[in-house]
Amino acid sequence: MDKKKIIIRIGKQSLSFAAIGGSSEDSIRFEPYVVKVGASMAANLREAFKTESLIDGDIREAQVLLDTPAMLVPLEQFGEEEMAQQMDYVFPAGMEKREVLYNVLPSQNAVCIFAANKDLHNVIGDRFEKAQFIQAATPVWQYLHQRSFTGHRNKLYGYFHDKQADILCFQQNRFKFCNTFDTTSGYDALYFLLYVWKQLHMAPERDEIHLVGDIPQQEWLVAELKAYMERAYVINPTADFQQAPATKVAGMPYDLMTFLTKGR
């Protein structure tokens, strides 16, 4: 990653920055920002630009990871002229002004459509000469898709972040299933994981389930899953990414860790 480029991760109630350290190519600097409740994320970001040490005058480019609702469209059915209307059908904007964006996922023959708040989009555009917007889950989807080819068993993945669970499954070069559920506890997670497992007709004696991220009640959840299936696992990023520098940074979200380690 270019040292004159910064990564900004923006969630519903979270904001953080990451960059390659100045002393070593293996050094990653990560700074969470304390979001002021009651102020818009655009206002928080504008204030962060004034105070965060990672954002100096030499930074001209940014990659922005947005943890925001997204929809998937088959690549052969995607059209830029239709995406705003499709987004409005699935996720109505209401009174919010927003910029509809997209990321192409060639490995899965799909396009991820998502949106950025208009004020937030303008704040970033005013500060940087070049900004690339990335739906935050896409690096995780890309990596888990690659991972799904190891071994010969079908795999169901649960990625936990921001009190949500992305549950996904792949079939060759396409998504077989991908949806997001609100999960505030291990009980929620267990219900949704088993619901999708049953919906996909996965075999408890043969197929696998893999969990990663900020897993609620992790030990309890894995024990409960193993009562219904033989193979339930937790992905350890440190081992999975072979001690990559990003895995050693405390508090870094898994999607940002994956992006820094594996890219998009």
Protein backbone atom coordinates (compact mmCIF):
# COMPACT_ATOMS: atom_id res chain seq x y z
CA MET A 1 0.00 0.00 0.00
CA ASP A 2 1.21 3.47 -0.89
CA LYS A 3 2.41 5.41 2.17
CA LYS A 4 0.70 8.52 0.79
CA LYS A 5 -2.65 6.74 0.87
CA ILE A 6 -4.92 6.19 3.85
CA ILE A 7 -7.71 3.72 4.56
CA ILE A 8 -10.82 5.02 6.30
CA ARG A 9 -13.31 2.52 7.72
CA ILE A 10 -16.78 3.89 8.43
CA GLY A 11 -19.46 1.91 10.26
CA LYS A 12 -22.86 2.87 11.65
CA GLN A 13 -21.33 4.16 14.89
CA SER A 14 -17.62 3.67 14.31
CA LEU A 15 -14.79 5.41 12.49
CA SER A 16 -11.16 4.37 12.17
CA PHE A 17 -8.05 5.03 10.09
CA ALA A 18 -5.19 2.83 8.92
CA ALA A 19 -1.95 3.41 7.04
CA ILE A 20 1.43 1.83 6.46
CA GLY A 21 3.88 2.98 9.15
CA GLY A 22 6.72 5.28 8.19
CA SER A 23 9.56 3.18 9.64
CA SER A 24 8.81 -0.22 8.15
CA GLU A 25 6.83 -1.67 5.26
CA ASP A 26 5.52 -4.29 7.72
CA SER A 27 4.34 -1.67 10.22
CA ILE A 28 0.64 -0.81 10.17
CA ARG A 29 -0.72 2.18 12.03
CA PHE A 30 -4.33 1.95 13.18
CA GLU A 31 -6.26 4.70 14.94
CA PRO A 32 -9.91 4.34 16.02
CA TYR A 33 -11.74 7.64 16.37
CA VAL A 34 -14.17 8.28 19.23
CA VAL A 35 -17.42 9.10 17.47
CA LYS A 36 -19.52 11.87 19.00
CA VAL A 37 -23.05 10.58 19.52
CA GLY A 38 -25.65 12.96 18.14
CA ALA A 39 -23.40 14.35 15.42
CA SER A 40 -23.62 13.01 11.87
CA MET A 41 -20.85 10.76 10.60
CA ALA A 42 -19.97 13.48 8.08
CA ALA A 43 -19.47 15.95 10.94
CA ASN A 44 -17.41 13.41 12.87
CA LEU A 45 -15.23 12.75 9.85
CA ARG A 46 -14.73 16.47 9.22
CA GLU A 47 -13.57 16.87 12.82
CA ALA A 48 -11.32 13.81 12.58
CA PHE A 49 -9.55 15.32 9.58
CA LYS A 50 -8.48 18.19 11.84
CA THR A 51 -7.21 16.07 14.73
CA GLU A 52 -6.07 12.61 13.58
CA SER A 53 -2.30 12.26 13.31
CA LEU A 54 -2.48 9.81 10.38
CA ILE A 55 -4.01 12.42 8.09
CA ASP A 56 -1.23 14.83 7.24
CA GLY A 57 -0.79 17.19 4.32
CA ASP A 58 0.93 14.58 2.12
CA ILE A 59 -2.10 12.30 2.04
CA ARG A 60 -3.85 12.78 -1.28
CA GLU A 61 -5.63 9.45 -1.80
CA ALA A 62 -8.01 7.43 0.33
CA GLN A 63 -9.63 4.05 0.22
CA VAL A 64 -12.92 4.15 2.10
CA LEU A 65 -14.43 0.97 3.55
CA LEU A 66 -18.14 1.53 4.17
CA ASP A 67 -20.01 -0.86 6.43
CA THR A 68 -23.39 -0.18 4.88
CA PRO A 69 -26.32 -2.24 3.53
CA ALA A 70 -25.57 -3.80 0.16
CA MET A 71 -27.29 -5.81 -2.52
CA LEU A 72 -25.81 -8.30 -4.96
CA VAL A 73 -26.68 -8.40 -8.66
CA PRO A 74 -25.45 -11.04 -11.16
CA LEU A 75 -22.73 -9.52 -13.31
CA GLU A 76 -24.58 -10.27 -16.56
CA GLN A 77 -27.68 -8.42 -15.29
CA PHE A 78 -25.95 -5.31 -13.94
CA GLY A 79 -26.40 -1.88 -15.48
CA GLU A 80 -25.14 1.42 -14.06
CA GLU A 81 -28.23 3.25 -15.29
CA GLU A 82 -30.49 0.93 -13.25
CA MET A 83 -28.54 0.53 -10.01
CA ALA A 84 -29.95 3.58 -8.19
CA GLN A 85 -33.51 2.43 -8.83
CA GLN A 86 -32.66 -1.12 -7.74
CA MET A 87 -31.09 0.20 -4.54
CA ASP A 88 -34.21 2.25 -3.79
CA TYR A 89 -36.40 -0.84 -4.20
CA VAL A 90 -34.33 -2.92 -1.77
CA PHE A 91 -33.14 -0.21 0.65
CA PRO A 92 -35.42 2.86 0.39
CA ALA A 93 -33.50 6.07 1.05
CA GLY A 94 -36.37 7.98 2.64
CA MET A 95 -35.29 11.57 3.22
CA GLU A 96 -31.58 10.77 3.10
CA LYS A 97 -29.58 12.07 0.17
CA ARG A 98 -27.09 9.47 -0.94
CA GLU A 99 -24.63 8.49 -3.63
CA VAL A 100 -25.19 4.99 -5.05
CA LEU A 101 -21.94 3.13 -5.71
CA TYR A 102 -20.83 -0.33 -6.79
CA ASN A 103 -17.94 -2.79 -6.61
CA VAL A 104 -17.45 -5.52 -9.22
CA LEU A 105 -16.74 -9.00 -7.79
CA PRO A 106 -15.39 -10.85 -10.84
CA SER A 107 -14.54 -14.06 -8.98
CA GLN A 108 -18.18 -14.46 -7.99
CA ASN A 109 -19.67 -13.09 -11.22
CA ALA A 110 -21.52 -10.47 -9.19
CA VAL A 111 -21.73 -6.74 -8.53
CA CYS A 112 -22.17 -5.30 -5.04
CA ILE A 113 -24.38 -2.18 -5.01
CA PHE A 114 -24.29 0.07 -1.95
CA ALA A 115 -24.70 3.72 -1.01
CA ALA A 116 -22.85 6.49 0.80
CA ASN A 117 -24.52 9.38 2.58
CA LYS A 118 -24.25 12.39 0.26
CA ASP A 119 -22.74 14.71 2.90
CA LEU A 120 -20.22 12.03 3.89
CA HIS A 121 -19.32 11.45 0.24
CA ASN A 122 -18.79 15.21 -0.25
CA VAL A 123 -16.58 15.56 2.85
CA ILE A 124 -14.29 12.83 1.54
CA GLY A 125 -14.30 14.25 -2.00
CA ASP A 126 -13.37 17.70 -0.72
CA ARG A 127 -10.42 16.38 1.31
CA PHE A 128 -8.81 13.94 -1.13
CA GLU A 129 -7.81 14.19 -4.78
CA LYS A 130 -8.80 10.56 -5.29
CA ALA A 131 -11.09 8.35 -3.20
CA GLN A 132 -12.05 4.73 -3.82
CA PHE A 133 -15.21 3.53 -2.04
CA ILE A 134 -15.40 -0.14 -1.07
CA GLN A 135 -18.25 -1.96 0.62
CA ALA A 136 -16.52 -3.21 3.77
CA ALA A 137 -17.69 -6.83 3.52
CA THR A 138 -16.39 -7.38 -0.02
CA PRO A 139 -12.77 -8.19 0.97
CA VAL A 140 -14.15 -10.80 3.40
CA TRP A 141 -16.46 -12.26 0.76
CA GLN A 142 -13.58 -12.48 -1.71
CA TYR A 143 -11.30 -14.19 0.77
CA LEU A 144 -13.91 -16.64 2.09
CA HIS A 145 -14.78 -17.54 -1.50
CA GLN A 146 -11.14 -18.51 -2.11
CA ARG A 147 -11.16 -20.41 1.16
CA SER A 148 -14.27 -22.36 0.16
CA PHE A 149 -12.26 -24.29 -2.44
CA THR A 150 -10.06 -25.98 0.20
CA GLY A 151 -11.19 -29.56 0.79
CA HIS A 152 -14.23 -31.21 -0.71
CA ARG A 153 -16.95 -30.33 1.82
CA ASN A 154 -19.61 -27.66 1.45
CA LYS A 155 -18.99 -24.71 3.77
CA LEU A 156 -21.29 -22.17 5.41
CA TYR A 157 -19.63 -19.00 6.72
CA GLY A 158 -20.75 -16.62 9.44
CA TYR A 159 -18.94 -13.28 9.58
CA PHE A 160 -19.79 -11.22 12.69
CA HIS A 161 -19.32 -7.46 12.88
CA ASP A 162 -21.11 -4.36 14.16
CA LYS A 163 -23.86 -6.45 15.87
CA GLN A 164 -24.62 -8.15 12.57
CA ALA A 165 -23.91 -11.50 10.96
CA ASP A 166 -23.17 -11.93 7.28
CA ILE A 167 -24.07 -15.54 6.47
CA LEU A 168 -22.84 -16.80 3.13
CA CYS A 169 -22.20 -19.88 1.07
CA PHE A 170 -20.64 -20.36 -2.36
CA GLN A 171 -21.22 -22.75 -5.21
CA GLN A 172 -18.23 -22.72 -7.54
CA ASN A 173 -17.90 -19.15 -8.87
CA ARG A 174 -21.18 -17.77 -7.55
CA PHE A 175 -22.89 -16.94 -4.29
CA LYS A 176 -25.28 -19.68 -3.30
CA PHE A 177 -26.52 -17.62 -0.35
CA CYS A 178 -25.64 -14.23 1.12
CA ASN A 179 -27.66 -12.27 3.65
CA THR A 180 -27.16 -10.08 6.71
CA PHE A 181 -28.95 -10.50 10.04
CA ASP A 182 -29.02 -8.38 13.18
CA THR A 183 -27.35 -10.35 15.97
CA THR A 184 -27.06 -8.93 19.47
CA SER A 185 -26.44 -12.27 21.19
CA GLY A 186 -25.28 -15.82 20.65
CA TYR A 187 -28.92 -16.94 20.71
CA ASP A 188 -29.68 -14.76 17.67
CA ALA A 189 -26.60 -16.07 15.90
CA LEU A 190 -27.50 -19.71 16.61
CA TYR A 191 -31.04 -19.26 15.28
CA PHE A 192 -29.99 -17.60 12.02
CA LEU A 193 -27.08 -19.98 11.35
CA LEU A 194 -29.23 -23.08 11.86
CA TYR A 195 -32.06 -21.54 9.84
CA VAL A 196 -29.78 -20.98 6.83
CA TRP A 197 -28.08 -24.36 7.30
CA LYS A 198 -31.50 -26.05 7.07
CA GLN A 199 -32.64 -23.84 4.18
CA LEU A 200 -29.58 -24.88 2.14
CA HIS A 201 -30.10 -28.57 2.98
CA MET A 202 -26.57 -28.91 4.33
CA ALA A 203 -25.56 -32.29 5.74
CA PRO A 204 -24.71 -32.32 9.49
CA GLU A 205 -22.47 -35.38 9.16
CA ARG A 206 -20.50 -34.04 6.18
CA ASP A 207 -20.62 -30.26 5.66
CA GLU A 208 -18.85 -27.52 7.65
CA ILE A 209 -19.64 -24.20 9.30
CA HIS A 210 -16.92 -21.58 9.89
CA LEU A 211 -17.27 -18.49 12.08
CA VAL A 212 -15.07 -15.39 12.10
CA GLY A 213 -15.05 -11.85 13.43
CA ASP A 214 -16.57 -10.46 16.63
CA ILE A 215 -18.48 -13.63 17.52
CA PRO A 216 -21.04 -13.22 20.34
CA GLN A 217 -20.76 -15.79 23.16
CA GLN A 218 -18.23 -17.67 21.06
CA GLU A 219 -17.60 -20.75 23.21
CA TRP A 220 -21.29 -21.27 23.93
CA LEU A 221 -22.24 -20.76 20.27
CA VAL A 222 -19.71 -23.28 18.94
CA ALA A 223 -20.75 -25.85 21.55
CA GLU A 224 -24.42 -25.43 20.59
CA LEU A 225 -23.64 -25.73 16.88
CA LYS A 226 -21.75 -28.97 17.50
CA ALA A 227 -24.92 -30.43 18.96
CA TYR A 228 -26.43 -30.20 15.46
CA MET A 229 -23.44 -30.80 13.20
CA GLU A 230 -20.07 -32.53 13.39
CA ARG A 231 -17.89 -29.77 11.99
CA ALA A 232 -18.14 -26.26 13.48
CA TYR A 233 -14.99 -24.12 13.53
CA VAL A 234 -13.75 -20.65 14.44
CA ILE A 235 -11.30 -19.05 12.00
CA ASN A 236 -8.19 -17.70 13.76
CA PRO A 237 -6.97 -14.75 11.63
CA THR A 238 -3.43 -14.89 13.04
CA ALA A 239 -2.98 -18.49 11.91
CA ASP A 240 -5.10 -18.13 8.78
CA PHE A 241 -3.13 -15.09 7.55
CA GLN A 242 0.22 -16.58 8.62
CA GLN A 243 1.12 -13.96 11.25
CA ALA A 244 0.50 -11.04 8.87
CA PRO A 245 1.19 -7.62 10.46
CA ALA A 246 -2.49 -6.61 10.43
CA THR A 247 -3.40 -9.58 12.64
CA LYS A 248 -1.21 -8.19 15.42
CA VAL A 249 -3.07 -4.87 15.66
CA ALA A 250 -5.45 -4.85 18.62
CA GLY A 251 -9.03 -3.86 17.89
CA MET A 252 -8.77 -3.92 14.10
CA PRO A 253 -12.02 -5.09 12.42
CA TYR A 254 -11.70 -8.33 10.46
CA ASP A 255 -12.76 -6.73 7.16
CA LEU A 256 -10.02 -4.10 7.45
CA MET A 257 -7.54 -6.79 8.47
CA THR A 258 -8.51 -8.86 5.42
CA PHE A 259 -8.28 -5.85 3.12
CA LEU A 260 -4.78 -4.97 4.35
CA THR A 261 -3.61 -8.58 4.09
CA LYS A 262 -5.37 -9.89 1.00
CA GLY A 263 -6.62 -6.81 -0.82
CA ARG A 264 -9.82 -6.97 -2.84
